[in-house]
Amino acid sequence: MYMPEPSTKLLNSFVAISRFNKGEAGKIIDEVHEEGFKIIIKNNEPVCVMITPEFFIPWHIAGSNIKRRCFST
C-alpha cells in the first residue's frame, strides 16, 4: 500500500545530477539505502528515481497483479 511521504522528506530527496559528476555516486547510493529513495534532477526536471529493493518489490508485485487482471483471457 502506498504511504505518502512527509513533504520535508520529499524535498530533501532531490539530488542534482551534477553530484554524480563530482564523484559522489557512492554517497548518494548510501543516502538511498538510508532514506529509501532519491529523485535525480537535471535542468530542474526529474529524470530518474532511485529506490531501494524494499520500495521496488511491492510496486513490482502490485503492477504484475494489475496486468494479470487487466490482460487475462
Protein backbone atom coordinates (compact mmCIF):
# COMPACT_ATOMS: atom_id res chain seq x y z
CA MET A 1 0.00 0.00 0.00
CA TYR A 2 1.28 3.48 -0.89
CA MET A 3 2.01 5.71 2.07
CA PRO A 4 2.54 9.41 1.31
CA GLU A 5 5.87 10.75 2.49
CA PRO A 6 6.07 13.91 4.62
CA SER A 7 6.80 16.93 2.41
CA THR A 8 10.15 17.61 4.11
CA LYS A 9 11.37 14.11 3.25
CA LEU A 10 10.25 14.62 -0.34
CA LEU A 11 12.02 17.98 -0.62
CA ASN A 12 15.21 16.52 0.87
CA SER A 13 15.11 13.66 -1.64
CA PHE A 14 16.05 15.83 -4.65
CA VAL A 15 19.63 15.32 -5.88
CA ALA A 16 21.30 17.33 -8.63
CA ILE A 17 22.77 15.10 -11.34
CA SER A 18 25.97 17.15 -11.08
CA ARG A 19 26.71 15.37 -7.77
CA PHE A 20 27.37 12.21 -9.79
CA ASN A 21 29.94 14.11 -11.86
CA LYS A 22 31.68 15.18 -8.66
CA GLY A 23 32.29 11.58 -7.64
CA GLU A 24 29.51 11.39 -5.07
CA ALA A 25 27.69 8.36 -6.52
CA GLY A 26 28.68 6.16 -3.57
CA LYS A 27 27.43 8.73 -1.09
CA ILE A 28 24.13 9.11 -2.98
CA ILE A 29 23.65 5.33 -3.00
CA ASP A 30 24.25 5.29 0.76
CA GLU A 31 21.60 8.02 1.13
CA VAL A 32 19.15 5.95 -0.93
CA HIS A 33 19.86 2.96 1.30
CA GLU A 34 19.19 5.06 4.44
CA GLU A 35 16.21 7.07 3.19
CA GLY A 36 14.57 4.69 0.71
CA PHE A 37 14.63 6.84 -2.40
CA LYS A 38 16.15 9.84 -4.21
CA ILE A 39 14.85 11.88 -7.14
CA ILE A 40 17.60 12.85 -9.58
CA ILE A 41 17.20 16.32 -11.11
CA LYS A 42 18.71 17.58 -14.38
CA ASN A 43 17.94 21.08 -15.66
CA ASN A 44 15.38 21.49 -12.86
CA GLU A 45 13.37 18.46 -14.01
CA PRO A 46 13.21 14.97 -12.53
CA VAL A 47 14.97 12.47 -14.80
CA CYS A 48 15.35 9.42 -12.57
CA VAL A 49 14.16 7.92 -9.31
CA MET A 50 16.49 5.70 -7.33
CA ILE A 51 14.72 3.37 -4.89
CA THR A 52 15.71 0.53 -2.61
CA PRO A 53 14.57 -3.04 -3.28
CA GLU A 54 12.22 -2.69 -0.29
CA PHE A 55 10.39 0.10 -2.15
CA PHE A 56 10.55 -1.58 -5.55
CA ILE A 57 9.34 -5.10 -4.80
CA PRO A 58 5.82 -4.20 -3.54
CA TRP A 59 5.27 -1.86 -6.52
CA HIS A 60 6.51 -4.52 -8.93
CA ILE A 61 4.19 -7.14 -7.43
CA ALA A 62 1.23 -4.75 -7.48
CA GLY A 63 1.92 -3.90 -11.12
CA SER A 64 2.12 -7.58 -12.03
CA ASN A 65 -1.21 -8.24 -10.34
CA ILE A 66 -2.85 -5.35 -12.20
CA LYS A 67 -1.51 -6.62 -15.54
CA ARG A 68 -2.84 -10.11 -14.83
CA ARG A 69 -6.31 -8.76 -14.01
CA CYS A 70 -6.45 -6.41 -17.00
CA PHE A 71 -4.98 -8.69 -19.65
CA SER A 72 -6.11 -12.14 -18.58
CA THR A 73 -8.09 -14.01 -21.19
